[in-house]
Full PDB file with SEQRES, HELIX, SHEET, SSBOND, CRYST1, ORIGX, SCALE, CONECT and MASTER records, all heavy atoms in Angstrom:
SEQRES   1 A   31  VAL ALA GLU THR ARG VAL PHE LEU THR ARG VAL GLU LYS          
SEQRES   2 A   31  GLU ILE LEU GLN LEU SER GLU GLU GLN ARG ILE VAL LEU          
SEQRES   3 A   31  MET LEU VAL CYS VAL                                          
HELIX    1 AA1 ALA A    2  GLN A   17  1                                  16    
HELIX    2 AA2 GLU A   20  CYS A   30  1                                  11    
CRYST1    1.000    1.000    1.000  90.00  90.00  90.00 P 1           1          
ORIGX1      1.000000  0.000000  0.000000        0.00000                         
ORIGX2      0.000000  1.000000  0.000000        0.00000                         
ORIGX3      0.000000  0.000000  1.000000        0.00000                         
SCALE1      1.000000  0.000000  0.000000        0.00000                         
SCALE2      0.000000  1.000000  0.000000        0.00000                         
SCALE3      0.000000  0.000000  1.000000        0.00000                         
ATOM      1  N   VAL A   1      44.179 125.811 239.750  1.00  0.00           N  
ATOM      2  CA  VAL A   1      44.674 125.123 240.947  1.00  0.00           C  
ATOM      3  C   VAL A   1      44.321 125.925 242.188  1.00  0.00           C  
ATOM      4  O   VAL A   1      43.831 125.374 243.185  1.00  0.00           O  
ATOM      5  CB  VAL A   1      46.194 124.881 240.863  1.00  0.00           C  
ATOM      6  CG1 VAL A   1      46.736 124.382 242.192  1.00  0.00           C  
ATOM      7  CG2 VAL A   1      46.519 123.895 239.763  1.00  0.00           C  
ATOM      8  N   ALA A   2      44.547 127.218 242.141  1.00  0.00           N  
ATOM      9  CA  ALA A   2      44.233 128.070 243.292  1.00  0.00           C  
ATOM     10  C   ALA A   2      42.740 128.051 243.579  1.00  0.00           C  
ATOM     11  O   ALA A   2      42.321 127.948 244.741  1.00  0.00           O  
ATOM     12  CB  ALA A   2      44.700 129.496 243.033  1.00  0.00           C  
ATOM     13  N   GLU A   3      41.937 128.125 242.539  1.00  0.00           N  
ATOM     14  CA  GLU A   3      40.486 128.105 242.703  1.00  0.00           C  
ATOM     15  C   GLU A   3      40.028 126.771 243.284  1.00  0.00           C  
ATOM     16  O   GLU A   3      39.156 126.719 244.149  1.00  0.00           O  
ATOM     17  CB  GLU A   3      39.815 128.355 241.350  1.00  0.00           C  
ATOM     18  CG  GLU A   3      38.330 128.588 241.443  1.00  0.00           C  
ATOM     19  CD  GLU A   3      37.731 128.975 240.098  1.00  0.00           C  
ATOM     20  OE1 GLU A   3      38.429 129.602 239.290  1.00  0.00           O  
ATOM     21  OE2 GLU A   3      36.558 128.639 239.884  1.00  0.00           O  
ATOM     22  N   THR A   4      40.647 125.688 242.832  1.00  0.00           N  
ATOM     23  CA  THR A   4      40.301 124.358 243.339  1.00  0.00           C  
ATOM     24  C   THR A   4      40.647 124.229 244.817  1.00  0.00           C  
ATOM     25  O   THR A   4      39.873 123.678 245.599  1.00  0.00           O  
ATOM     26  CB  THR A   4      41.026 123.269 242.526  1.00  0.00           C  
ATOM     27  OG1 THR A   4      40.629 123.373 241.166  1.00  0.00           O  
ATOM     28  CG2 THR A   4      40.692 121.879 243.052  1.00  0.00           C  
ATOM     29  N   ARG A   5      41.806 124.748 245.195  1.00  0.00           N  
ATOM     30  CA  ARG A   5      42.203 124.695 246.609  1.00  0.00           C  
ATOM     31  C   ARG A   5      41.203 125.441 247.488  1.00  0.00           C  
ATOM     32  O   ARG A   5      40.814 124.955 248.546  1.00  0.00           O  
ATOM     33  CB  ARG A   5      43.588 125.293 246.796  1.00  0.00           C  
ATOM     34  CG  ARG A   5      44.685 124.407 246.329  1.00  0.00           C  
ATOM     35  CD  ARG A   5      46.034 125.017 246.591  1.00  0.00           C  
ATOM     36  NE  ARG A   5      47.079 124.129 246.106  1.00  0.00           N  
ATOM     37  CZ  ARG A   5      48.319 124.468 245.952  1.00  0.00           C  
ATOM     38  NH1 ARG A   5      48.720 125.698 246.257  1.00  0.00           N  
ATOM     39  NH2 ARG A   5      49.201 123.610 245.516  1.00  0.00           N  
ATOM     40  N   VAL A   6      40.808 126.609 247.044  1.00  0.00           N  
ATOM     41  CA  VAL A   6      39.837 127.399 247.808  1.00  0.00           C  
ATOM     42  C   VAL A   6      38.520 126.644 247.902  1.00  0.00           C  
ATOM     43  O   VAL A   6      37.896 126.566 248.968  1.00  0.00           O  
ATOM     44  CB  VAL A   6      39.637 128.794 247.158  1.00  0.00           C  
ATOM     45  CG1 VAL A   6      38.451 129.518 247.767  1.00  0.00           C  
ATOM     46  CG2 VAL A   6      40.907 129.611 247.272  1.00  0.00           C  
ATOM     47  N   PHE A   7      38.098 126.058 246.792  1.00  0.00           N  
ATOM     48  CA  PHE A   7      36.838 125.331 246.768  1.00  0.00           C  
ATOM     49  C   PHE A   7      36.882 124.104 247.667  1.00  0.00           C  
ATOM     50  O   PHE A   7      35.940 123.837 248.425  1.00  0.00           O  
ATOM     51  CB  PHE A   7      36.494 124.926 245.328  1.00  0.00           C  
ATOM     52  CG  PHE A   7      35.124 124.327 245.197  1.00  0.00           C  
ATOM     53  CD1 PHE A   7      33.990 125.114 245.315  1.00  0.00           C  
ATOM     54  CD2 PHE A   7      34.972 122.979 244.969  1.00  0.00           C  
ATOM     55  CE1 PHE A   7      32.733 124.566 245.201  1.00  0.00           C  
ATOM     56  CE2 PHE A   7      33.716 122.419 244.853  1.00  0.00           C  
ATOM     57  CZ  PHE A   7      32.590 123.217 244.965  1.00  0.00           C  
ATOM     58  N   LEU A   8      37.976 123.342 247.620  1.00  0.00           N  
ATOM     59  CA  LEU A   8      38.092 122.158 248.474  1.00  0.00           C  
ATOM     60  C   LEU A   8      38.105 122.529 249.954  1.00  0.00           C  
ATOM     61  O   LEU A   8      37.526 121.820 250.779  1.00  0.00           O  
ATOM     62  CB  LEU A   8      39.351 121.370 248.116  1.00  0.00           C  
ATOM     63  CG  LEU A   8      39.296 120.609 246.799  1.00  0.00           C  
ATOM     64  CD1 LEU A   8      40.660 119.999 246.476  1.00  0.00           C  
ATOM     65  CD2 LEU A   8      38.229 119.534 246.825  1.00  0.00           C  
ATOM     66  N   THR A   9      38.755 123.639 250.265  1.00  0.00           N  
ATOM     67  CA  THR A   9      38.752 124.113 251.648  1.00  0.00           C  
ATOM     68  C   THR A   9      37.331 124.454 252.080  1.00  0.00           C  
ATOM     69  O   THR A   9      36.909 124.130 253.188  1.00  0.00           O  
ATOM     70  CB  THR A   9      39.667 125.347 251.796  1.00  0.00           C  
ATOM     71  OG1 THR A   9      40.988 124.970 251.416  1.00  0.00           O  
ATOM     72  CG2 THR A   9      39.663 125.864 253.218  1.00  0.00           C  
ATOM     73  N   ARG A  10      36.594 125.076 251.176  1.00  0.00           N  
ATOM     74  CA  ARG A  10      35.201 125.430 251.478  1.00  0.00           C  
ATOM     75  C   ARG A  10      34.356 124.173 251.688  1.00  0.00           C  
ATOM     76  O   ARG A  10      33.537 124.116 252.612  1.00  0.00           O  
ATOM     77  CB  ARG A  10      34.635 126.266 250.341  1.00  0.00           C  
ATOM     78  CG  ARG A  10      33.223 126.691 250.581  1.00  0.00           C  
ATOM     79  CD  ARG A  10      32.749 127.654 249.526  1.00  0.00           C  
ATOM     80  NE  ARG A  10      31.327 127.864 249.683  1.00  0.00           N  
ATOM     81  CZ  ARG A  10      30.495 127.999 248.682  1.00  0.00           C  
ATOM     82  NH1 ARG A  10      30.940 127.998 247.455  1.00  0.00           N  
ATOM     83  NH2 ARG A  10      29.213 128.170 248.903  1.00  0.00           N  
ATOM     84  N   VAL A  11      34.542 123.185 250.847  1.00  0.00           N  
ATOM     85  CA  VAL A  11      33.776 121.937 250.976  1.00  0.00           C  
ATOM     86  C   VAL A  11      34.091 121.270 252.307  1.00  0.00           C  
ATOM     87  O   VAL A  11      33.191 120.813 253.016  1.00  0.00           O  
ATOM     88  CB  VAL A  11      34.074 120.981 249.798  1.00  0.00           C  
ATOM     89  CG1 VAL A  11      33.506 119.597 250.054  1.00  0.00           C  
ATOM     90  CG2 VAL A  11      33.529 121.554 248.507  1.00  0.00           C  
ATOM     91  N   GLU A  12      35.364 121.228 252.662  1.00  0.00           N  
ATOM     92  CA  GLU A  12      35.757 120.625 253.935  1.00  0.00           C  
ATOM     93  C   GLU A  12      35.102 121.352 255.110  1.00  0.00           C  
ATOM     94  O   GLU A  12      34.579 120.719 256.031  1.00  0.00           O  
ATOM     95  CB  GLU A  12      37.280 120.659 254.089  1.00  0.00           C  
ATOM     96  CG  GLU A  12      37.770 119.983 255.347  1.00  0.00           C  
ATOM     97  CD  GLU A  12      39.282 120.011 255.471  1.00  0.00           C  
ATOM     98  OE1 GLU A  12      39.954 120.645 254.646  1.00  0.00           O  
ATOM     99  OE2 GLU A  12      39.783 119.397 256.426  1.00  0.00           O  
ATOM    100  N   LYS A  13      35.097 122.670 255.053  1.00  0.00           N  
ATOM    101  CA  LYS A  13      34.463 123.446 256.124  1.00  0.00           C  
ATOM    102  C   LYS A  13      32.965 123.174 256.186  1.00  0.00           C  
ATOM    103  O   LYS A  13      32.394 123.068 257.269  1.00  0.00           O  
ATOM    104  CB  LYS A  13      34.720 124.941 255.923  1.00  0.00           C  
ATOM    105  CG  LYS A  13      36.127 125.353 256.240  1.00  0.00           C  
ATOM    106  CD  LYS A  13      36.343 126.839 256.014  1.00  0.00           C  
ATOM    107  CE  LYS A  13      37.781 127.216 256.284  1.00  0.00           C  
ATOM    108  NZ  LYS A  13      38.039 128.642 256.005  1.00  0.00           N  
ATOM    109  N   GLU A  14      32.339 123.063 255.030  1.00  0.00           N  
ATOM    110  CA  GLU A  14      30.896 122.809 255.005  1.00  0.00           C  
ATOM    111  C   GLU A  14      30.577 121.419 255.543  1.00  0.00           C  
ATOM    112  O   GLU A  14      29.581 121.232 256.231  1.00  0.00           O  
ATOM    113  CB  GLU A  14      30.337 122.977 253.590  1.00  0.00           C  
ATOM    114  CG  GLU A  14      30.397 124.393 253.068  1.00  0.00           C  
ATOM    115  CD  GLU A  14      29.616 125.400 253.896  1.00  0.00           C  
ATOM    116  OE1 GLU A  14      28.699 125.010 254.657  1.00  0.00           O  
ATOM    117  OE2 GLU A  14      29.916 126.607 253.777  1.00  0.00           O  
ATOM    118  N   ILE A  15      31.413 120.445 255.249  1.00  0.00           N  
ATOM    119  CA  ILE A  15      31.202 119.099 255.790  1.00  0.00           C  
ATOM    120  C   ILE A  15      31.326 119.128 257.311  1.00  0.00           C  
ATOM    121  O   ILE A  15      30.539 118.511 258.023  1.00  0.00           O  
ATOM    122  CB  ILE A  15      32.186 118.087 255.170  1.00  0.00           C  
ATOM    123  CG1 ILE A  15      31.803 117.825 253.714  1.00  0.00           C  
ATOM    124  CG2 ILE A  15      32.214 116.775 255.955  1.00  0.00           C  
ATOM    125  CD1 ILE A  15      32.795 116.979 252.949  1.00  0.00           C  
ATOM    126  N   LEU A  16      32.302 119.868 257.805  1.00  0.00           N  
ATOM    127  CA  LEU A  16      32.478 119.967 259.256  1.00  0.00           C  
ATOM    128  C   LEU A  16      31.345 120.729 259.925  1.00  0.00           C  
ATOM    129  O   LEU A  16      31.124 120.578 261.125  1.00  0.00           O  
ATOM    130  CB  LEU A  16      33.825 120.627 259.576  1.00  0.00           C  
ATOM    131  CG  LEU A  16      35.053 119.798 259.203  1.00  0.00           C  
ATOM    132  CD1 LEU A  16      36.324 120.600 259.423  1.00  0.00           C  
ATOM    133  CD2 LEU A  16      35.092 118.489 259.959  1.00  0.00           C  
ATOM    134  N   GLN A  17      30.600 121.527 259.169  1.00  0.00           N  
ATOM    135  CA  GLN A  17      29.469 122.272 259.709  1.00  0.00           C  
ATOM    136  C   GLN A  17      28.196 121.422 259.799  1.00  0.00           C  
ATOM    137  O   GLN A  17      27.238 121.816 260.455  1.00  0.00           O  
ATOM    138  CB  GLN A  17      29.180 123.521 258.865  1.00  0.00           C  
ATOM    139  CG  GLN A  17      30.266 124.566 258.926  1.00  0.00           C  
ATOM    140  CD  GLN A  17      30.466 125.102 260.328  1.00  0.00           C  
ATOM    141  OE1 GLN A  17      29.505 125.397 261.031  1.00  0.00           O  
ATOM    142  NE2 GLN A  17      31.712 125.209 260.746  1.00  0.00           N  
ATOM    143  N   LEU A  18      28.196 120.274 259.122  1.00  0.00           N  
ATOM    144  CA  LEU A  18      27.042 119.378 259.227  1.00  0.00           C  
ATOM    145  C   LEU A  18      26.921 118.896 260.666  1.00  0.00           C  
ATOM    146  O   LEU A  18      27.906 118.862 261.409  1.00  0.00           O  
ATOM    147  CB  LEU A  18      27.222 118.170 258.305  1.00  0.00           C  
ATOM    148  CG  LEU A  18      27.209 118.418 256.806  1.00  0.00           C  
ATOM    149  CD1 LEU A  18      27.595 117.135 256.069  1.00  0.00           C  
ATOM    150  CD2 LEU A  18      25.864 118.922 256.341  1.00  0.00           C  
ATOM    151  N   SER A  19      25.723 118.488 261.036  1.00  0.00           N  
ATOM    152  CA  SER A  19      25.560 117.928 262.374  1.00  0.00           C  
ATOM    153  C   SER A  19      26.413 116.665 262.464  1.00  0.00           C  
ATOM    154  O   SER A  19      26.718 116.024 261.459  1.00  0.00           O  
ATOM    155  CB  SER A  19      24.091 117.591 262.645  1.00  0.00           C  
ATOM    156  OG  SER A  19      23.684 116.487 261.856  1.00  0.00           O  
ATOM    157  N   GLU A  20      26.798 116.314 263.674  1.00  0.00           N  
ATOM    158  CA  GLU A  20      27.649 115.140 263.865  1.00  0.00           C  
ATOM    159  C   GLU A  20      26.997 113.887 263.290  1.00  0.00           C  
ATOM    160  O   GLU A  20      27.662 113.074 262.645  1.00  0.00           O  
ATOM    161  CB  GLU A  20      27.955 114.943 265.349  1.00  0.00           C  
ATOM    162  CG  GLU A  20      28.892 113.793 265.609  1.00  0.00           C  
ATOM    163  CD  GLU A  20      29.250 113.633 267.075  1.00  0.00           C  
ATOM    164  OE1 GLU A  20      28.809 114.459 267.898  1.00  0.00           O  
ATOM    165  OE2 GLU A  20      29.957 112.672 267.392  1.00  0.00           O  
ATOM    166  N   GLU A  21      25.703 113.745 263.475  1.00  0.00           N  
ATOM    167  CA  GLU A  21      24.990 112.574 262.985  1.00  0.00           C  
ATOM    168  C   GLU A  21      25.063 112.491 261.464  1.00  0.00           C  
ATOM    169  O   GLU A  21      25.309 111.424 260.889  1.00  0.00           O  
ATOM    170  CB  GLU A  21      23.519 112.590 263.433  1.00  0.00           C  
ATOM    171  CG  GLU A  21      23.324 112.430 264.919  1.00  0.00           C  
ATOM    172  CD  GLU A  21      23.434 113.748 265.683  1.00  0.00           C  
ATOM    173  OE1 GLU A  21      23.499 114.825 265.056  1.00  0.00           O  
ATOM    174  OE2 GLU A  21      23.483 113.690 266.926  1.00  0.00           O  
ATOM    175  N   GLN A  22      24.841 113.623 260.801  1.00  0.00           N  
ATOM    176  CA  GLN A  22      24.888 113.645 259.338  1.00  0.00           C  
ATOM    177  C   GLN A  22      26.313 113.425 258.837  1.00  0.00           C  
ATOM    178  O   GLN A  22      26.532 112.681 257.883  1.00  0.00           O  
ATOM    179  CB  GLN A  22      24.360 114.975 258.804  1.00  0.00           C  
ATOM    180  CG  GLN A  22      22.885 115.170 259.017  1.00  0.00           C  
ATOM    181  CD  GLN A  22      22.433 116.544 258.586  1.00  0.00           C  
ATOM    182  OE1 GLN A  22      23.197 117.342 258.048  1.00  0.00           O  
ATOM    183  NE2 GLN A  22      21.163 116.840 258.824  1.00  0.00           N  
ATOM    184  N   ARG A  23      27.268 114.056 259.473  1.00  0.00           N  
ATOM    185  CA  ARG A  23      28.668 113.939 259.057  1.00  0.00           C  
ATOM    186  C   ARG A  23      29.152 112.496 259.185  1.00  0.00           C  
ATOM    187  O   ARG A  23      29.813 111.969 258.288  1.00  0.00           O  
ATOM    188  CB  ARG A  23      29.542 114.881 259.884  1.00  0.00           C  
ATOM    189  CG  ARG A  23      30.952 115.025 259.375  1.00  0.00           C  
ATOM    190  CD  ARG A  23      31.738 116.094 260.091  1.00  0.00           C  
ATOM    191  NE  ARG A  23      31.854 115.847 261.522  1.00  0.00           N  
ATOM    192  CZ  ARG A  23      31.243 116.561 262.471  1.00  0.00           C  
ATOM    193  NH1 ARG A  23      30.482 117.583 262.149  1.00  0.00           N  
ATOM    194  NH2 ARG A  23      31.398 116.262 263.741  1.00  0.00           N  
ATOM    195  N   ILE A  24      28.799 111.832 260.270  1.00  0.00           N  
ATOM    196  CA  ILE A  24      29.220 110.448 260.487  1.00  0.00           C  
ATOM    197  C   ILE A  24      28.647 109.542 259.410  1.00  0.00           C  
ATOM    198  O   ILE A  24      29.367 108.739 258.807  1.00  0.00           O  
ATOM    199  CB  ILE A  24      28.817 109.963 261.897  1.00  0.00           C  
ATOM    200  CG1 ILE A  24      29.691 110.649 262.939  1.00  0.00           C  
ATOM    201  CG2 ILE A  24      28.924 108.442 262.009  1.00  0.00           C  
ATOM    202  CD1 ILE A  24      29.229 110.455 264.362  1.00  0.00           C  
ATOM    203  N   VAL A  25      27.362 109.694 259.125  1.00  0.00           N  
ATOM    204  CA  VAL A  25      26.732 108.849 258.107  1.00  0.00           C  
ATOM    205  C   VAL A  25      27.331 109.145 256.733  1.00  0.00           C  
ATOM    206  O   VAL A  25      27.621 108.225 255.960  1.00  0.00           O  
ATOM    207  CB  VAL A  25      25.194 109.036 258.108  1.00  0.00           C  
ATOM    208  CG1 VAL A  25      24.562 108.357 256.919  1.00  0.00           C  
ATOM    209  CG2 VAL A  25      24.595 108.488 259.400  1.00  0.00           C  
ATOM    210  N   LEU A  26      27.551 110.407 256.423  1.00  0.00           N  
ATOM    211  CA  LEU A  26      28.151 110.785 255.143  1.00  0.00           C  
ATOM    212  C   LEU A  26      29.536 110.163 254.992  1.00  0.00           C  
ATOM    213  O   LEU A  26      29.874 109.612 253.947  1.00  0.00           O  
ATOM    214  CB  LEU A  26      28.242 112.311 255.038  1.00  0.00           C  
ATOM    215  CG  LEU A  26      28.750 112.871 253.712  1.00  0.00           C  
ATOM    216  CD1 LEU A  26      27.710 112.669 252.623  1.00  0.00           C  
ATOM    217  CD2 LEU A  26      29.088 114.337 253.846  1.00  0.00           C  
ATOM    218  N   MET A  27      30.319 110.202 256.047  1.00  0.00           N  
ATOM    219  CA  MET A  27      31.665 109.621 256.003  1.00  0.00           C  
ATOM    220  C   MET A  27      31.615 108.106 255.866  1.00  0.00           C  
ATOM    221  O   MET A  27      32.372 107.523 255.084  1.00  0.00           O  
ATOM    222  CB  MET A  27      32.452 110.012 257.251  1.00  0.00           C  
ATOM    223  CG  MET A  27      32.828 111.464 257.283  1.00  0.00           C  
ATOM    224  SD  MET A  27      33.863 111.890 258.687  1.00  0.00           S  
ATOM    225  CE  MET A  27      32.861 111.374 260.055  1.00  0.00           C  
ATOM    226  N   LEU A  28      30.750 107.466 256.625  1.00  0.00           N  
ATOM    227  CA  LEU A  28      30.678 106.008 256.578  1.00  0.00           C  
ATOM    228  C   LEU A  28      30.278 105.514 255.197  1.00  0.00           C  
ATOM    229  O   LEU A  28      30.863 104.568 254.673  1.00  0.00           O  
ATOM    230  CB  LEU A  28      29.684 105.485 257.618  1.00  0.00           C  
ATOM    231  CG  LEU A  28      30.102 105.585 259.077  1.00  0.00           C  
ATOM    232  CD1 LEU A  28      28.947 105.182 259.991  1.00  0.00           C  
ATOM    233  CD2 LEU A  28      31.318 104.732 259.363  1.00  0.00           C  
ATOM    234  N   VAL A  29      29.299 106.170 254.591  1.00  0.00           N  
ATOM    235  CA  VAL A  29      28.781 105.698 253.312  1.00  0.00           C  
ATOM    236  C   VAL A  29      29.608 106.212 252.135  1.00  0.00           C  
ATOM    237  O   VAL A  29      30.011 105.439 251.269  1.00  0.00           O  
ATOM    238  CB  VAL A  29      27.292 106.086 253.155  1.00  0.00           C  
ATOM    239  CG1 VAL A  29      26.767 105.677 251.784  1.00  0.00           C  
ATOM    240  CG2 VAL A  29      26.450 105.435 254.246  1.00  0.00           C  
ATOM    241  N   CYS A  30      29.882 107.510 252.106  1.00  0.00           N  
ATOM    242  CA  CYS A  30      30.540 108.104 250.942  1.00  0.00           C  
ATOM    243  C   CYS A  30      32.054 107.984 250.956  1.00  0.00           C  
ATOM    244  O   CYS A  30      32.673 107.828 249.917  1.00  0.00           O  
ATOM    245  CB  CYS A  30      30.148 109.572 250.812  1.00  0.00           C  
ATOM    246  SG  CYS A  30      28.391 109.798 250.510  1.00  0.00           S  
ATOM    247  N   VAL A  31      32.652 108.068 252.107  1.00  0.00           N  
ATOM    248  CA  VAL A  31      34.117 108.020 252.184  1.00  0.00           C  
ATOM    249  C   VAL A  31      34.598 106.596 252.442  1.00  0.00           C  
ATOM    250  O   VAL A  31      35.461 106.082 251.739  1.00  0.00           O  
ATOM    251  CB  VAL A  31      34.645 108.988 253.263  1.00  0.00           C  
ATOM    252  CG1 VAL A  31      36.149 108.869 253.392  1.00  0.00           C  
ATOM    253  CG2 VAL A  31      34.255 110.416 252.919  1.00  0.00           C  
TER     254      VAL A  31                                                      
MASTER        0    0    0    2    0    0    0    6  253    1    0    3          
END                                                                             
């Protein structure tokens, strides 16, 4: 559980590091 929390936090940070254009398209299609 602890490892998963750390990993999910990392994924969220990496998504936020994407360019705005990429992040928007990723959210629209995948989320």
